[in-house]
Amino acid sequence: MPRLLLIARSLALLTLSFALGCGAPQSDPMLGEESSLAAVDSKLGVGDFFSVTVYGEEELSGTHQVGDDGAFLFPFLGRVIAEGKTPVELGEHLAEELEAQGYLRRPQVSVLVEEFASKRVSVIGSVARPGTFPLTSGLTIVQAISLAGGFTSVANAGEVVLTRREGDKVRRIIVSITRITRGGANDIPLRAGDLIFIPERIF
């Protein structure tokens, strides 16, 4: 490849790096050990799907979606506000209401998010179908790239850039998907708002 083209590609990649956030991307092996998506932002929002399990009460267990008004319909209780509550908070609220209204005695209720439709991640760059995707429970960086159709033939799988906002700061980490798929590194659970950029290889 001509030297000028190499320089142009390098400058383009550097420009995009600055556009994605302040500072240079850096490798962070500890990132792959993050396992708690709920600890970051698990509050339910409009469009989210979740399942409710009331132990010993099969007819009260099922899957629901947060409506446009932030609520859903639950047996006996009617309209229940879910928006803004974490799964734990919603489970506790349902249990309290079922007991307070005399339907059950000391019910055990658990809520599990199935799809954070209100929270999304983006995959751009050298993938077949760049776009924005719902944050499903446990979604990882490898799975997100798969949702985007996988790498193109010119993708640089060894230097994928994960951009993540943490409060008022932006972190950008270079992730080797090649190492992850070969078992040499842990896959990375994603957070709402994560941006994954797959650069092209410089031949």
N, C-alpha and C. Protein backbone atom coordinates (compact mmCIF):
# COMPACT_ATOMS: atom_id res chain seq x y z
N MET A 1 0.84 -1.18 0.00
CA MET A 1 0.00 0.00 0.00
C MET A 1 0.89 1.25 0.00
N PRO A 2 0.55 2.28 -0.84
CA PRO A 2 1.37 3.50 -0.87
C PRO A 2 1.45 4.16 0.49
N ARG A 3 2.60 4.78 0.74
CA ARG A 3 2.84 5.41 2.05
C ARG A 3 1.80 6.48 2.36
N LEU A 4 1.37 7.27 1.37
CA LEU A 4 0.41 8.33 1.61
C LEU A 4 -0.94 7.77 2.05
N LEU A 5 -1.34 6.61 1.47
CA LEU A 5 -2.60 6.01 1.84
C LEU A 5 -2.55 5.49 3.27
N LEU A 6 -1.40 4.92 3.65
CA LEU A 6 -1.22 4.45 5.02
C LEU A 6 -1.36 5.60 6.01
N ILE A 7 -0.73 6.72 5.69
CA ILE A 7 -0.79 7.89 6.56
C ILE A 7 -2.22 8.41 6.66
N ALA A 8 -2.95 8.43 5.52
CA ALA A 8 -4.33 8.91 5.51
C ALA A 8 -5.22 8.06 6.38
N ARG A 9 -5.04 6.74 6.27
CA ARG A 9 -5.87 5.83 7.10
C ARG A 9 -5.55 6.00 8.57
N SER A 10 -4.29 6.17 8.89
CA SER A 10 -3.90 6.35 10.29
C SER A 10 -4.50 7.62 10.86
N LEU A 11 -4.47 8.71 10.06
CA LEU A 11 -5.03 9.97 10.51
C LEU A 11 -6.54 9.87 10.69
N ALA A 12 -7.21 9.13 9.80
CA ALA A 12 -8.66 8.96 9.90
C ALA A 12 -9.02 8.22 11.17
N LEU A 13 -8.26 7.17 11.47
CA LEU A 13 -8.53 6.40 12.69
C LEU A 13 -8.27 7.24 13.93
N LEU A 14 -7.23 8.06 13.90
CA LEU A 14 -6.92 8.92 15.04
C LEU A 14 -8.01 9.96 15.24
N THR A 15 -8.54 10.51 14.13
CA THR A 15 -9.60 11.50 14.22
C THR A 15 -10.85 10.90 14.85
N LEU A 16 -11.22 9.68 14.42
CA LEU A 16 -12.38 9.02 14.99
C LEU A 16 -12.17 8.73 16.47
N SER A 17 -10.92 8.41 16.82
CA SER A 17 -10.61 8.12 18.22
C SER A 17 -10.90 9.33 19.09
N PHE A 18 -10.52 10.52 18.62
CA PHE A 18 -10.79 11.72 19.40
C PHE A 18 -12.27 12.05 19.41
N ALA A 19 -12.98 11.73 18.30
CA ALA A 19 -14.41 11.99 18.23
C ALA A 19 -15.18 11.14 19.22
N LEU A 20 -14.70 9.95 19.49
CA LEU A 20 -15.39 9.04 20.40
C LEU A 20 -15.23 9.44 21.86
N GLY A 21 -14.25 10.23 22.18
CA GLY A 21 -14.08 10.64 23.58
C GLY A 21 -12.71 11.21 23.82
N CYS A 22 -12.52 11.77 24.98
CA CYS A 22 -11.25 12.41 25.29
C CYS A 22 -10.20 11.37 25.67
N GLY A 23 -8.99 11.63 25.25
CA GLY A 23 -7.90 10.74 25.63
C GLY A 23 -7.78 9.56 24.69
N ALA A 24 -6.66 8.87 24.76
CA ALA A 24 -6.41 7.74 23.88
C ALA A 24 -7.02 6.48 24.45
N PRO A 25 -7.50 5.56 23.57
CA PRO A 25 -8.01 4.29 24.07
C PRO A 25 -6.90 3.52 24.75
N GLN A 26 -7.27 2.75 25.77
CA GLN A 26 -6.25 1.97 26.44
C GLN A 26 -6.79 0.59 26.78
N SER A 27 -5.92 -0.37 26.76
CA SER A 27 -6.31 -1.73 27.09
C SER A 27 -6.62 -1.81 28.57
N ASP A 28 -7.70 -2.51 28.92
CA ASP A 28 -8.11 -2.63 30.31
C ASP A 28 -8.61 -4.04 30.56
N PRO A 29 -7.72 -4.97 30.91
CA PRO A 29 -8.13 -6.36 31.09
C PRO A 29 -9.13 -6.55 32.21
N MET A 30 -9.19 -5.67 33.19
CA MET A 30 -10.13 -5.82 34.28
C MET A 30 -11.56 -5.60 33.84
N LEU A 31 -11.74 -4.92 32.70
CA LEU A 31 -13.08 -4.64 32.22
C LEU A 31 -13.85 -5.91 31.99
N GLY A 32 -13.19 -6.96 31.53
CA GLY A 32 -13.86 -8.21 31.24
C GLY A 32 -14.37 -8.91 32.47
N GLU A 33 -13.97 -8.46 33.65
CA GLU A 33 -14.42 -9.09 34.88
C GLU A 33 -15.64 -8.41 35.47
N GLU A 34 -16.13 -7.34 34.81
CA GLU A 34 -17.32 -6.70 35.29
C GLU A 34 -18.50 -7.62 35.02
N SER A 35 -19.26 -7.94 36.03
CA SER A 35 -20.34 -8.90 35.86
C SER A 35 -21.70 -8.38 36.25
N SER A 36 -21.77 -7.18 36.83
CA SER A 36 -23.05 -6.73 37.34
C SER A 36 -23.64 -5.63 36.49
N LEU A 37 -24.48 -6.01 35.55
CA LEU A 37 -25.18 -5.02 34.75
C LEU A 37 -26.19 -4.27 35.61
N ALA A 38 -26.83 -4.98 36.52
CA ALA A 38 -27.86 -4.37 37.36
C ALA A 38 -27.30 -3.25 38.22
N ALA A 39 -26.03 -3.37 38.60
CA ALA A 39 -25.45 -2.37 39.49
C ALA A 39 -25.26 -1.04 38.78
N VAL A 40 -25.28 -1.04 37.46
CA VAL A 40 -25.03 0.17 36.71
C VAL A 40 -26.33 0.95 36.48
N ASP A 41 -27.29 0.35 35.81
CA ASP A 41 -28.55 1.02 35.55
C ASP A 41 -29.58 -0.04 35.19
N SER A 42 -30.30 -0.52 36.18
CA SER A 42 -31.27 -1.57 35.93
C SER A 42 -32.70 -1.05 36.07
N LYS A 43 -32.88 0.26 36.14
CA LYS A 43 -34.23 0.79 36.26
C LYS A 43 -35.02 0.53 34.99
N LEU A 44 -36.24 0.10 35.18
CA LEU A 44 -37.10 -0.22 34.05
C LEU A 44 -37.57 1.04 33.35
N GLY A 45 -37.76 0.92 32.02
CA GLY A 45 -38.24 2.03 31.21
C GLY A 45 -39.28 1.55 30.23
N VAL A 46 -39.88 2.48 29.53
CA VAL A 46 -40.93 2.17 28.56
C VAL A 46 -40.42 1.19 27.51
N GLY A 47 -41.18 0.13 27.28
CA GLY A 47 -40.83 -0.87 26.27
C GLY A 47 -40.07 -2.06 26.80
N ASP A 48 -39.56 -1.97 28.02
CA ASP A 48 -38.79 -3.08 28.59
C ASP A 48 -39.68 -4.30 28.82
N PHE A 49 -39.12 -5.48 28.56
CA PHE A 49 -39.80 -6.74 28.84
C PHE A 49 -39.22 -7.35 30.11
N PHE A 50 -40.09 -7.90 30.95
CA PHE A 50 -39.62 -8.53 32.17
C PHE A 50 -40.58 -9.65 32.57
N SER A 51 -40.06 -10.61 33.30
CA SER A 51 -40.89 -11.70 33.80
C SER A 51 -41.07 -11.57 35.30
N VAL A 52 -42.26 -11.91 35.77
CA VAL A 52 -42.59 -11.90 37.19
C VAL A 52 -42.87 -13.34 37.63
N THR A 53 -42.20 -13.76 38.68
CA THR A 53 -42.46 -15.08 39.25
C THR A 53 -42.95 -14.92 40.67
N VAL A 54 -44.16 -15.41 40.93
CA VAL A 54 -44.69 -15.44 42.28
C VAL A 54 -44.66 -16.91 42.70
N TYR A 55 -43.76 -17.23 43.60
CA TYR A 55 -43.52 -18.63 43.95
C TYR A 55 -44.77 -19.28 44.53
N GLY A 56 -45.11 -20.44 43.94
CA GLY A 56 -46.28 -21.18 44.37
C GLY A 56 -47.58 -20.68 43.78
N GLU A 57 -47.51 -19.64 42.93
CA GLU A 57 -48.70 -19.05 42.32
C GLU A 57 -48.47 -18.91 40.82
N GLU A 58 -48.63 -20.03 40.12
CA GLU A 58 -48.32 -20.06 38.70
C GLU A 58 -49.17 -19.10 37.88
N GLU A 59 -50.43 -18.94 38.30
CA GLU A 59 -51.32 -18.07 37.52
C GLU A 59 -50.95 -16.59 37.63
N LEU A 60 -50.12 -16.26 38.61
CA LEU A 60 -49.68 -14.87 38.77
C LEU A 60 -48.32 -14.62 38.11
N SER A 61 -47.70 -15.67 37.62
CA SER A 61 -46.37 -15.55 37.01
C SER A 61 -46.52 -15.40 35.50
N GLY A 62 -45.65 -14.57 34.92
CA GLY A 62 -45.71 -14.37 33.47
C GLY A 62 -44.81 -13.25 33.02
N THR A 63 -44.85 -12.98 31.72
CA THR A 63 -44.02 -11.94 31.11
C THR A 63 -44.84 -10.70 30.83
N HIS A 64 -44.23 -9.54 31.07
CA HIS A 64 -44.93 -8.27 30.88
C HIS A 64 -44.03 -7.29 30.14
N GLN A 65 -44.64 -6.21 29.65
CA GLN A 65 -43.90 -5.13 29.02
C GLN A 65 -44.35 -3.81 29.62
N VAL A 66 -43.40 -2.92 29.87
CA VAL A 66 -43.74 -1.59 30.39
C VAL A 66 -44.39 -0.79 29.27
N GLY A 67 -45.61 -0.33 29.52
CA GLY A 67 -46.34 0.41 28.50
C GLY A 67 -45.87 1.85 28.36
N ASP A 68 -46.49 2.55 27.40
CA ASP A 68 -46.11 3.94 27.14
C ASP A 68 -46.36 4.84 28.34
N ASP A 69 -47.28 4.41 29.21
CA ASP A 69 -47.57 5.20 30.41
C ASP A 69 -46.68 4.81 31.58
N GLY A 70 -45.70 3.90 31.33
CA GLY A 70 -44.79 3.49 32.38
C GLY A 70 -45.33 2.39 33.27
N ALA A 71 -46.49 1.83 32.91
CA ALA A 71 -47.13 0.84 33.77
C ALA A 71 -47.42 -0.45 33.01
N PHE A 72 -47.90 -1.45 33.75
CA PHE A 72 -48.36 -2.71 33.17
C PHE A 72 -49.51 -3.22 34.01
N LEU A 73 -50.28 -4.15 33.46
CA LEU A 73 -51.42 -4.72 34.18
C LEU A 73 -51.02 -6.02 34.84
N PHE A 74 -51.31 -6.12 36.14
CA PHE A 74 -50.96 -7.32 36.89
C PHE A 74 -52.22 -7.90 37.52
N PRO A 75 -52.37 -9.23 37.50
CA PRO A 75 -53.57 -9.86 38.07
C PRO A 75 -53.86 -9.37 39.49
N PHE A 76 -55.13 -9.11 39.77
CA PHE A 76 -55.63 -8.64 41.06
C PHE A 76 -55.29 -7.17 41.33
N LEU A 77 -54.08 -6.76 40.99
CA LEU A 77 -53.63 -5.41 41.35
C LEU A 77 -53.97 -4.36 40.29
N GLY A 78 -54.22 -4.81 39.07
CA GLY A 78 -54.53 -3.86 38.01
C GLY A 78 -53.28 -3.14 37.51
N ARG A 79 -53.40 -1.83 37.30
CA ARG A 79 -52.31 -1.03 36.74
C ARG A 79 -51.24 -0.81 37.80
N VAL A 80 -49.99 -1.21 37.46
CA VAL A 80 -48.86 -1.06 38.37
C VAL A 80 -47.76 -0.27 37.67
N ILE A 81 -47.25 0.76 38.30
CA ILE A 81 -46.16 1.56 37.74
C ILE A 81 -44.85 0.78 37.85
N ALA A 82 -44.17 0.61 36.72
CA ALA A 82 -42.88 -0.09 36.69
C ALA A 82 -41.73 0.84 36.32
N GLU A 83 -42.02 1.86 35.53
CA GLU A 83 -40.97 2.76 35.06
C GLU A 83 -40.27 3.43 36.24
N GLY A 84 -38.95 3.41 36.21
CA GLY A 84 -38.16 4.03 37.27
C GLY A 84 -37.83 3.12 38.42
N LYS A 85 -38.41 1.92 38.44
CA LYS A 85 -38.11 0.96 39.49
C LYS A 85 -37.08 -0.05 39.00
N THR A 86 -36.23 -0.54 39.89
CA THR A 86 -35.35 -1.65 39.56
C THR A 86 -36.17 -2.93 39.66
N PRO A 87 -35.69 -4.04 39.08
CA PRO A 87 -36.42 -5.30 39.23
C PRO A 87 -36.66 -5.68 40.69
N VAL A 88 -35.67 -5.45 41.55
CA VAL A 88 -35.83 -5.77 42.97
C VAL A 88 -36.92 -4.91 43.59
N GLU A 89 -36.89 -3.62 43.29
CA GLU A 89 -37.90 -2.72 43.84
C GLU A 89 -39.30 -3.09 43.37
N LEU A 90 -39.42 -3.46 42.09
CA LEU A 90 -40.73 -3.83 41.56
C LEU A 90 -41.22 -5.12 42.22
N GLY A 91 -40.33 -6.09 42.39
CA GLY A 91 -40.70 -7.33 43.05
C GLY A 91 -41.18 -7.09 44.47
N GLU A 92 -40.48 -6.23 45.18
CA GLU A 92 -40.87 -5.90 46.56
C GLU A 92 -42.22 -5.19 46.60
N HIS A 93 -42.43 -4.30 45.63
CA HIS A 93 -43.70 -3.56 45.56
C HIS A 93 -44.86 -4.52 45.31
N LEU A 94 -44.69 -5.43 44.36
CA LEU A 94 -45.76 -6.39 44.06
C LEU A 94 -46.07 -7.26 45.28
N ALA A 95 -45.02 -7.71 45.95
CA ALA A 95 -45.22 -8.55 47.14
C ALA A 95 -45.98 -7.78 48.22
N GLU A 96 -45.60 -6.53 48.44
CA GLU A 96 -46.26 -5.72 49.47
C GLU A 96 -47.73 -5.50 49.15
N GLU A 97 -48.03 -5.22 47.86
CA GLU A 97 -49.42 -4.96 47.46
C GLU A 97 -50.27 -6.22 47.53
N LEU A 98 -49.72 -7.35 47.10
CA LEU A 98 -50.47 -8.60 47.17
C LEU A 98 -50.83 -8.96 48.60
N GLU A 99 -49.92 -8.66 49.52
CA GLU A 99 -50.20 -8.96 50.93
C GLU A 99 -51.13 -7.91 51.54
N ALA A 100 -50.87 -6.63 51.22
CA ALA A 100 -51.66 -5.55 51.80
C ALA A 100 -53.13 -5.64 51.39
N GLN A 101 -53.38 -6.12 50.18
CA GLN A 101 -54.75 -6.21 49.69
C GLN A 101 -55.39 -7.57 50.00
N GLY A 102 -54.66 -8.40 50.75
CA GLY A 102 -55.25 -9.63 51.25
C GLY A 102 -55.29 -10.80 50.29
N TYR A 103 -54.54 -10.71 49.20
CA TYR A 103 -54.56 -11.81 48.24
C TYR A 103 -53.64 -12.96 48.63
N LEU A 104 -52.47 -12.64 49.16
CA LEU A 104 -51.50 -13.66 49.56
C LEU A 104 -50.86 -13.28 50.88
N ARG A 105 -50.39 -14.30 51.58
CA ARG A 105 -49.69 -14.05 52.84
C ARG A 105 -48.19 -14.26 52.64
N ARG A 106 -47.44 -13.22 52.88
CA ARG A 106 -45.97 -13.21 52.74
C ARG A 106 -45.54 -13.81 51.40
N PRO A 107 -46.00 -13.24 50.30
CA PRO A 107 -45.64 -13.78 48.98
C PRO A 107 -44.16 -13.54 48.66
N GLN A 108 -43.59 -14.45 47.88
CA GLN A 108 -42.22 -14.32 47.40
C GLN A 108 -42.27 -14.00 45.92
N VAL A 109 -41.82 -12.81 45.56
CA VAL A 109 -41.92 -12.34 44.18
C VAL A 109 -40.54 -11.98 43.65
N SER A 110 -40.24 -12.46 42.46
CA SER A 110 -38.98 -12.07 41.80
C SER A 110 -39.28 -11.52 40.42
N VAL A 111 -38.49 -10.55 40.00
CA VAL A 111 -38.64 -9.92 38.68
C VAL A 111 -37.32 -10.03 37.94
N LEU A 112 -37.37 -10.51 36.73
CA LEU A 112 -36.18 -10.66 35.90
C LEU A 112 -36.36 -9.94 34.58
N VAL A 113 -35.46 -9.01 34.28
CA VAL A 113 -35.54 -8.28 33.01
C VAL A 113 -35.11 -9.19 31.87
N GLU A 114 -35.93 -9.24 30.82
CA GLU A 114 -35.61 -10.05 29.66
C GLU A 114 -35.02 -9.21 28.52
N GLU A 115 -35.50 -7.97 28.41
CA GLU A 115 -34.96 -7.09 27.38
C GLU A 115 -35.12 -5.64 27.79
N PHE A 116 -33.99 -4.93 27.83
CA PHE A 116 -34.01 -3.50 28.12
C PHE A 116 -34.24 -2.75 26.80
N ALA A 117 -35.47 -2.73 26.32
CA ALA A 117 -35.76 -2.03 25.07
C ALA A 117 -35.54 -0.53 25.21
N SER A 118 -35.64 -0.02 26.44
CA SER A 118 -35.44 1.41 26.68
C SER A 118 -33.97 1.78 26.75
N LYS A 119 -33.11 0.77 26.83
CA LYS A 119 -31.67 1.00 26.92
C LYS A 119 -31.02 0.28 25.75
N ARG A 120 -30.10 0.94 25.09
CA ARG A 120 -29.57 0.39 23.86
C ARG A 120 -28.05 0.50 23.80
N VAL A 121 -27.47 -0.29 22.91
CA VAL A 121 -26.04 -0.21 22.63
C VAL A 121 -25.88 -0.05 21.11
N SER A 122 -24.78 0.55 20.71
CA SER A 122 -24.54 0.80 19.29
C SER A 122 -23.29 0.09 18.81
N VAL A 123 -23.36 -0.43 17.59
CA VAL A 123 -22.21 -1.07 16.96
C VAL A 123 -22.00 -0.40 15.60
N ILE A 124 -20.82 0.17 15.41
CA ILE A 124 -20.52 0.87 14.16
C ILE A 124 -19.17 0.40 13.61
N GLY A 125 -18.91 0.79 12.38
CA GLY A 125 -17.62 0.42 11.77
C GLY A 125 -17.75 -0.79 10.87
N SER A 126 -16.75 -1.64 10.89
CA SER A 126 -16.65 -2.75 9.94
C SER A 126 -17.44 -3.98 10.39
N VAL A 127 -18.76 -3.81 10.38
CA VAL A 127 -19.68 -4.93 10.60
C VAL A 127 -20.70 -4.93 9.48
N ALA A 128 -21.38 -6.06 9.33
CA ALA A 128 -22.31 -6.19 8.20
C ALA A 128 -23.52 -5.27 8.32
N ARG A 129 -24.04 -5.11 9.55
CA ARG A 129 -25.25 -4.30 9.75
C ARG A 129 -25.06 -3.36 10.93
N PRO A 130 -24.34 -2.26 10.76
CA PRO A 130 -24.17 -1.31 11.87
C PRO A 130 -25.52 -0.82 12.36
N GLY A 131 -25.62 -0.56 13.65
CA GLY A 131 -26.89 -0.05 14.16
C GLY A 131 -26.93 0.00 15.67
N THR A 132 -28.14 0.24 16.16
CA THR A 132 -28.39 0.32 17.59
C THR A 132 -29.31 -0.82 17.99
N PHE A 133 -29.00 -1.47 19.11
CA PHE A 133 -29.70 -2.68 19.50
C PHE A 133 -30.14 -2.61 20.96
N PRO A 134 -31.30 -3.26 21.28
CA PRO A 134 -31.75 -3.27 22.68
C PRO A 134 -30.75 -4.00 23.57
N LEU A 135 -30.63 -3.52 24.78
CA LEU A 135 -29.73 -4.14 25.75
C LEU A 135 -30.47 -5.27 26.45
N THR A 136 -30.29 -6.49 25.97
CA THR A 136 -30.90 -7.64 26.62
C THR A 136 -30.08 -8.02 27.85
N SER A 137 -30.69 -8.75 28.76
CA SER A 137 -30.00 -9.13 29.99
C SER A 137 -28.78 -9.98 29.67
N GLY A 138 -27.62 -9.55 30.18
CA GLY A 138 -26.39 -10.31 29.99
C GLY A 138 -25.73 -10.13 28.64
N LEU A 139 -26.19 -9.18 27.83
CA LEU A 139 -25.60 -8.97 26.51
C LEU A 139 -24.12 -8.63 26.62
N THR A 140 -23.30 -9.30 25.81
CA THR A 140 -21.86 -9.07 25.83
C THR A 140 -21.40 -8.41 24.53
N ILE A 141 -20.15 -7.99 24.51
CA ILE A 141 -19.62 -7.32 23.33
C ILE A 141 -19.58 -8.27 22.12
N VAL A 142 -19.26 -9.53 22.34
CA VAL A 142 -19.24 -10.50 21.24
C VAL A 142 -20.65 -10.71 20.69
N GLN A 143 -21.63 -10.81 21.58
CA GLN A 143 -23.00 -11.00 21.15
C GLN A 143 -23.53 -9.79 20.39
N ALA A 144 -23.15 -8.59 20.84
CA ALA A 144 -23.59 -7.36 20.16
C ALA A 144 -23.04 -7.30 18.74
N ILE A 145 -21.78 -7.68 18.58
CA ILE A 145 -21.19 -7.70 17.24
C ILE A 145 -21.89 -8.72 16.35
N SER A 146 -22.29 -9.83 16.95
CA SER A 146 -23.05 -10.84 16.21
C SER A 146 -24.41 -10.29 15.78
N LEU A 147 -25.07 -9.53 16.66
CA LEU A 147 -26.35 -8.91 16.29
C LEU A 147 -26.18 -7.96 15.11
N ALA A 148 -25.01 -7.36 15.01
CA ALA A 148 -24.73 -6.43 13.91
C ALA A 148 -24.25 -7.16 12.65
N GLY A 149 -24.40 -8.47 12.62
CA GLY A 149 -24.07 -9.23 11.42
C GLY A 149 -22.66 -9.75 11.36
N GLY A 150 -21.87 -9.49 12.41
CA GLY A 150 -20.49 -9.97 12.42
C GLY A 150 -19.55 -9.06 11.65
N PHE A 151 -18.27 -9.39 11.74
CA PHE A 151 -17.23 -8.57 11.10
C PHE A 151 -17.30 -8.65 9.58
N THR A 152 -16.86 -7.58 8.95
CA THR A 152 -16.64 -7.62 7.50
C THR A 152 -15.26 -8.23 7.25
N SER A 153 -14.93 -8.42 5.99
CA SER A 153 -13.66 -9.06 5.64
C SER A 153 -12.45 -8.18 5.96
N VAL A 154 -12.68 -6.88 6.17
CA VAL A 154 -11.55 -5.98 6.44
C VAL A 154 -11.51 -5.52 7.89
N ALA A 155 -12.34 -6.11 8.75
CA ALA A 155 -12.41 -5.68 10.14
C ALA A 155 -11.15 -6.05 10.92
N ASN A 156 -10.79 -5.18 11.83
CA ASN A 156 -9.66 -5.44 12.73
C ASN A 156 -10.24 -5.92 14.06
N ALA A 157 -10.39 -7.24 14.19
CA ALA A 157 -11.02 -7.83 15.38
C ALA A 157 -10.13 -7.73 16.61
N GLY A 158 -8.88 -7.39 16.41
CA GLY A 158 -7.96 -7.33 17.55
C GLY A 158 -7.90 -5.98 18.22
N GLU A 159 -8.54 -4.95 17.64
CA GLU A 159 -8.47 -3.60 18.20
C GLU A 159 -9.82 -2.91 18.18
N VAL A 160 -10.83 -3.61 18.65
CA VAL A 160 -12.17 -3.04 18.74
C VAL A 160 -12.19 -2.01 19.89
N VAL A 161 -12.84 -0.89 19.65
CA VAL A 161 -12.88 0.19 20.65
C VAL A 161 -14.25 0.23 21.32
N LEU A 162 -14.26 0.02 22.63
CA LEU A 162 -15.48 0.13 23.42
C LEU A 162 -15.48 1.47 24.13
N THR A 163 -16.49 2.29 23.84
CA THR A 163 -16.62 3.60 24.48
C THR A 163 -17.75 3.53 25.49
N ARG A 164 -17.46 3.93 26.71
CA ARG A 164 -18.43 3.82 27.80
C ARG A 164 -18.41 5.08 28.64
N ARG A 165 -19.60 5.64 28.86
CA ARG A 165 -19.70 6.84 29.71
C ARG A 165 -19.91 6.41 31.15
N GLU A 166 -19.11 6.98 32.04
CA GLU A 166 -19.23 6.70 33.47
C GLU A 166 -19.36 8.04 34.19
N GLY A 167 -20.58 8.41 34.50
CA GLY A 167 -20.83 9.73 35.08
C GLY A 167 -20.53 10.81 34.06
N ASP A 168 -19.64 11.73 34.41
CA ASP A 168 -19.28 12.80 33.48
C ASP A 168 -18.00 12.48 32.72
N LYS A 169 -17.53 11.24 32.83
CA LYS A 169 -16.31 10.85 32.13
C LYS A 169 -16.62 9.83 31.03
N VAL A 170 -15.72 9.76 30.07
CA VAL A 170 -15.85 8.79 28.98
C VAL A 170 -14.62 7.90 28.98
N ARG A 171 -14.83 6.59 29.04
CA ARG A 171 -13.72 5.63 28.95
C ARG A 171 -13.75 4.98 27.58
N ARG A 172 -12.57 4.83 27.01
CA ARG A 172 -12.44 4.11 25.73
C ARG A 172 -11.38 3.05 25.91
N ILE A 173 -11.76 1.81 25.65
CA ILE A 173 -10.88 0.68 25.88
C ILE A 173 -10.74 -0.13 24.60
N ILE A 174 -9.52 -0.49 24.27
CA ILE A 174 -9.29 -1.37 23.13
C ILE A 174 -9.50 -2.81 23.58
N VAL A 175 -10.36 -3.52 22.87
CA VAL A 175 -10.71 -4.90 23.21
C VAL A 175 -10.33 -5.82 22.05
N SER A 176 -9.66 -6.90 22.36
CA SER A 176 -9.33 -7.90 21.34
C SER A 176 -10.42 -8.97 21.31
N ILE A 177 -11.29 -8.89 20.33
CA ILE A 177 -12.33 -9.90 20.18
C ILE A 177 -11.69 -11.23 19.80
N THR A 178 -10.59 -11.16 19.10
CA THR A 178 -9.87 -12.39 18.74
C THR A 178 -9.46 -13.16 19.98
N ARG A 179 -8.91 -12.46 20.98
CA ARG A 179 -8.51 -13.12 22.23
C ARG A 179 -9.71 -13.70 22.95
N ILE A 180 -10.82 -12.96 22.96
CA ILE A 180 -12.02 -13.43 23.65
C ILE A 180 -12.54 -14.71 23.02
N THR A 181 -12.66 -14.72 21.70
CA THR A 181 -13.22 -15.89 21.02
C THR A 181 -12.29 -17.10 21.08
N ARG A 182 -11.01 -16.85 21.33
CA ARG A 182 -10.06 -17.96 21.45
C ARG A 182 -9.90 -18.41 22.90
N GLY A 183 -10.63 -17.77 23.82
CA GLY A 183 -10.58 -18.16 25.22
C GLY A 183 -9.46 -17.53 26.00
N GLY A 184 -8.78 -16.55 25.41
CA GLY A 184 -7.66 -15.91 26.09
C GLY A 184 -8.05 -14.72 26.94
N ALA A 185 -9.33 -14.30 26.87
CA ALA A 185 -9.80 -13.17 27.67
C ALA A 185 -11.29 -13.35 27.90
N ASN A 186 -11.80 -12.70 28.94
CA ASN A 186 -13.23 -12.78 29.25
C ASN A 186 -14.05 -11.91 28.32
N ASP A 187 -15.24 -12.37 27.99
CA ASP A 187 -16.18 -11.53 27.26
C ASP A 187 -16.63 -10.41 28.18
N ILE A 188 -17.14 -9.32 27.61
CA ILE A 188 -17.44 -8.12 28.40
C ILE A 188 -18.94 -7.85 28.42
N PRO A 189 -19.57 -7.86 29.59
CA PRO A 189 -20.98 -7.47 29.69
C PRO A 189 -21.14 -5.99 29.33
N LEU A 190 -22.16 -5.68 28.56
CA LEU A 190 -22.35 -4.30 28.12
C LEU A 190 -23.27 -3.54 29.05
N ARG A 191 -23.16 -2.21 28.95
CA ARG A 191 -24.02 -1.31 29.72
C ARG A 191 -24.81 -0.45 28.75
N ALA A 192 -25.89 0.11 29.24
CA ALA A 192 -26.70 1.00 28.42
C ALA A 192 -25.84 2.16 27.90
N GLY A 193 -25.97 2.44 26.61
CA GLY A 193 -25.23 3.55 26.01
C GLY A 193 -23.86 3.20 25.49
N ASP A 194 -23.41 1.96 25.68
CA ASP A 194 -22.09 1.57 25.18
C ASP A 194 -22.03 1.70 23.65
N LEU A 195 -20.88 2.14 23.17
CA LEU A 195 -20.64 2.27 21.73
C LEU A 195 -19.45 1.40 21.36
N ILE A 196 -19.66 0.51 20.39
CA ILE A 196 -18.63 -0.40 19.94
C ILE A 196 -18.23 -0.01 18.53
N PHE A 197 -16.95 0.30 18.35
CA PHE A 197 -16.44 0.69 17.03
C PHE A 197 -15.43 -0.35 16.55
N ILE A 198 -15.67 -0.91 15.36
CA ILE A 198 -14.78 -1.90 14.77
C ILE A 198 -14.02 -1.23 13.62
N PRO A 199 -12.71 -1.01 13.80
CA PRO A 199 -11.93 -0.35 12.74
C PRO A 199 -11.58 -1.33 11.62
N GLU A 200 -11.09 -0.78 10.53
CA GLU A 200 -10.59 -1.62 9.44
C GLU A 200 -9.11 -1.94 9.69
N ARG A 201 -8.70 -3.07 9.16
CA ARG A 201 -7.28 -3.41 9.23
C ARG A 201 -6.51 -2.48 8.30
N ILE A 202 -5.29 -2.14 8.71
CA ILE A 202 -4.39 -1.38 7.84
C ILE A 202 -3.47 -2.37 7.16
N PHE A 203 -3.68 -2.56 5.89
CA PHE A 203 -2.93 -3.58 5.17
C PHE A 203 -1.52 -3.09 4.83
